[in-house]
Amino acid sequence: MSLENPADRVGRLQGWYGNCGQSELTLCLAQTFAYDDGTYKGTFSLLGSGIATDPVKHAPIVGGTGDFAFCRGIASQKRVFNAYINSEETSWFEYNITLKF
């Protein structure tokens, strides 16, 4: 699979994160995973928080639509690459997601 080839894409991730901590940088995560790869069609959403400096953050999956309707689960997020592109910080993440229907 290659990131350069759009045909290899199985879905997309949209979301938001911001600081919700009082004494240390704590990220509040709200993300939606959208799939349309021919096998699965639908979305599922992640909503949680984690300490920004933790190497792995865990957040619950709180529901979905389509093939993922009423799913629950857990997602682990790990940053795998960080770069500055055009003076903006960009990060790539790896997700390990377990769903229960």
C-alpha atoms as a PDB file:
ATOM      1  CA  MET A   1       0.000   0.000   0.000  1.00  0.00           C
ATOM      2  CA  SER A   2       1.317   3.415  -0.915  1.00  0.00           C
ATOM      3  CA  LEU A   3       0.249   6.769   0.461  1.00  0.00           C
ATOM      4  CA  GLU A   4       0.898   8.338  -2.932  1.00  0.00           C
ATOM      5  CA  ASN A   5      -1.714   6.179  -4.723  1.00  0.00           C
ATOM      6  CA  PRO A   6      -5.297   7.348  -3.979  1.00  0.00           C
ATOM      7  CA  ALA A   7      -6.622   3.949  -5.157  1.00  0.00           C
ATOM      8  CA  ASP A   8      -5.040   2.358  -2.050  1.00  0.00           C
ATOM      9  CA  ARG A   9      -7.114   4.535   0.289  1.00  0.00           C
ATOM     10  CA  VAL A  10      -9.835   2.667   2.187  1.00  0.00           C
ATOM     11  CA  GLY A  11     -11.218   5.616   4.121  1.00  0.00           C
ATOM     12  CA  ARG A  12     -10.435   8.897   5.804  1.00  0.00           C
ATOM     13  CA  LEU A  13     -10.196  10.412   9.250  1.00  0.00           C
ATOM     14  CA  GLN A  14     -11.696  13.759  10.205  1.00  0.00           C
ATOM     15  CA  GLY A  15     -11.521  15.273  13.607  1.00  0.00           C
ATOM     16  CA  TRP A  16     -10.403  17.759  16.140  1.00  0.00           C
ATOM     17  CA  TYR A  17      -8.112  17.825  19.145  1.00  0.00           C
ATOM     18  CA  GLY A  18      -7.358  20.556  21.627  1.00  0.00           C
ATOM     19  CA  ASN A  19      -6.032  21.155  25.118  1.00  0.00           C
ATOM     20  CA  CYS A  20      -8.466  20.240  27.889  1.00  0.00           C
ATOM     21  CA  GLY A  21      -5.996  19.940  30.797  1.00  0.00           C
ATOM     22  CA  GLN A  22      -5.565  22.243  33.758  1.00  0.00           C
ATOM     23  CA  SER A  23      -2.039  21.392  34.933  1.00  0.00           C
ATOM     24  CA  GLU A  24      -0.515  19.594  31.923  1.00  0.00           C
ATOM     25  CA  LEU A  25      -1.117  19.434  28.190  1.00  0.00           C
ATOM     26  CA  THR A  26      -4.020  16.998  27.847  1.00  0.00           C
ATOM     27  CA  LEU A  27      -5.529  16.405  24.425  1.00  0.00           C
ATOM     28  CA  CYS A  28      -9.268  16.110  23.978  1.00  0.00           C
ATOM     29  CA  LEU A  29      -9.864  13.949  20.885  1.00  0.00           C
ATOM     30  CA  ALA A  30     -13.012  13.893  18.744  1.00  0.00           C
ATOM     31  CA  GLN A  31     -12.506  11.972  15.509  1.00  0.00           C
ATOM     32  CA  THR A  32     -14.655  10.194  12.926  1.00  0.00           C
ATOM     33  CA  PHE A  33     -13.338   7.390  10.730  1.00  0.00           C
ATOM     34  CA  ALA A  34     -15.158   7.070   7.398  1.00  0.00           C
ATOM     35  CA  TYR A  35     -14.816   3.885   5.334  1.00  0.00           C
ATOM     36  CA  ASP A  36     -15.879   3.169   1.767  1.00  0.00           C
ATOM     37  CA  ASP A  37     -13.464   0.516   0.506  1.00  0.00           C
ATOM     38  CA  GLY A  38     -15.959  -1.747  -1.215  1.00  0.00           C
ATOM     39  CA  THR A  39     -16.056  -4.173   1.733  1.00  0.00           C
ATOM     40  CA  TYR A  40     -17.220  -1.838   4.486  1.00  0.00           C
ATOM     41  CA  LYS A  41     -19.252   1.358   4.256  1.00  0.00           C
ATOM     42  CA  GLY A  42     -19.947   3.607   7.205  1.00  0.00           C
ATOM     43  CA  THR A  43     -18.378   5.609   9.990  1.00  0.00           C
ATOM     44  CA  PHE A  44     -17.393   5.185  13.618  1.00  0.00           C
ATOM     45  CA  SER A  45     -16.432   7.857  16.113  1.00  0.00           C
ATOM     46  CA  LEU A  46     -13.767   8.202  18.779  1.00  0.00           C
ATOM     47  CA  LEU A  47     -14.171  10.534  21.756  1.00  0.00           C
ATOM     48  CA  GLY A  48     -11.645  10.711  24.598  1.00  0.00           C
ATOM     49  CA  SER A  49      -8.640  12.429  26.099  1.00  0.00           C
ATOM     50  CA  GLY A  50      -5.008  11.646  26.834  1.00  0.00           C
ATOM     51  CA  ILE A  51      -1.807  13.252  28.140  1.00  0.00           C
ATOM     52  CA  ALA A  52       0.000  14.769  25.138  1.00  0.00           C
ATOM     53  CA  THR A  53       3.411  13.356  26.133  1.00  0.00           C
ATOM     54  CA  ASP A  54       2.166   9.755  26.504  1.00  0.00           C
ATOM     55  CA  PRO A  55       3.613   7.662  23.658  1.00  0.00           C
ATOM     56  CA  VAL A  56       0.283   5.822  23.215  1.00  0.00           C
ATOM     57  CA  LYS A  57      -3.146   7.296  23.865  1.00  0.00           C
ATOM     58  CA  HIS A  58      -6.300   5.200  24.340  1.00  0.00           C
ATOM     59  CA  ALA A  59      -9.826   6.405  23.611  1.00  0.00           C
ATOM     60  CA  PRO A  60     -13.239   4.759  23.387  1.00  0.00           C
ATOM     61  CA  ILE A  61     -15.174   4.200  20.166  1.00  0.00           C
ATOM     62  CA  VAL A  62     -18.638   5.551  20.954  1.00  0.00           C
ATOM     63  CA  GLY A  63     -20.787   4.469  17.999  1.00  0.00           C
ATOM     64  CA  GLY A  64     -21.103   4.353  14.260  1.00  0.00           C
ATOM     65  CA  THR A  65     -23.232   4.314  11.136  1.00  0.00           C
ATOM     66  CA  GLY A  66     -23.738   1.941   8.207  1.00  0.00           C
ATOM     67  CA  ASP A  67     -21.811  -1.317   8.642  1.00  0.00           C
ATOM     68  CA  PHE A  68     -20.501   0.058  11.966  1.00  0.00           C
ATOM     69  CA  ALA A  69     -23.931   0.902  13.425  1.00  0.00           C
ATOM     70  CA  PHE A  70     -24.051   0.645  17.225  1.00  0.00           C
ATOM     71  CA  CYS A  71     -20.425  -0.489  17.473  1.00  0.00           C
ATOM     72  CA  ARG A  72     -18.321   0.039  20.587  1.00  0.00           C
ATOM     73  CA  GLY A  73     -14.609  -0.426  21.093  1.00  0.00           C
ATOM     74  CA  ILE A  74     -11.235   1.035  21.936  1.00  0.00           C
ATOM     75  CA  ALA A  75      -8.634   2.835  19.843  1.00  0.00           C
ATOM     76  CA  SER A  76      -4.915   3.166  20.552  1.00  0.00           C
ATOM     77  CA  GLN A  77      -3.169   6.101  18.884  1.00  0.00           C
ATOM     78  CA  LYS A  78       0.610   6.285  18.424  1.00  0.00           C
ATOM     79  CA  ARG A  79       2.512   9.038  16.620  1.00  0.00           C
ATOM     80  CA  VAL A  80       4.850   7.473  14.063  1.00  0.00           C
ATOM     81  CA  PHE A  81       6.217  10.524  12.246  1.00  0.00           C
ATOM     82  CA  ASN A  82       6.445  14.252  12.785  1.00  0.00           C
ATOM     83  CA  ALA A  83       7.655  16.875  10.295  1.00  0.00           C
ATOM     84  CA  TYR A  84       7.513  20.575   9.512  1.00  0.00           C
ATOM     85  CA  ILE A  85       5.997  21.206   6.083  1.00  0.00           C
ATOM     86  CA  ASN A  86       5.737  24.794   4.867  1.00  0.00           C
ATOM     87  CA  SER A  87       6.406  26.044   8.441  1.00  0.00           C
ATOM     88  CA  GLU A  88       3.530  23.966   9.858  1.00  0.00           C
ATOM     89  CA  GLU A  89       3.917  20.959  12.113  1.00  0.00           C
ATOM     90  CA  THR A  90       2.436  17.806  10.607  1.00  0.00           C
ATOM     91  CA  SER A  91       2.120  14.433  12.332  1.00  0.00           C
ATOM     92  CA  TRP A  92       1.235  10.943  11.132  1.00  0.00           C
ATOM     93  CA  PHE A  93      -0.437   8.509  13.513  1.00  0.00           C
ATOM     94  CA  GLU A  94      -0.927   4.760  13.682  1.00  0.00           C
ATOM     95  CA  TYR A  95      -4.237   3.510  15.066  1.00  0.00           C
ATOM     96  CA  ASN A  96      -4.969   0.075  16.483  1.00  0.00           C
ATOM     97  CA  ILE A  97      -8.749  -0.230  16.734  1.00  0.00           C
ATOM     98  CA  THR A  98     -10.828  -3.045  18.240  1.00  0.00           C
ATOM     99  CA  LEU A  99     -14.563  -2.953  17.570  1.00  0.00           C
ATOM    100  CA  LYS A 100     -17.414  -4.950  19.085  1.00  0.00           C
ATOM    101  CA  PHE A 101     -20.803  -5.090  17.369  1.00  0.00           C
END
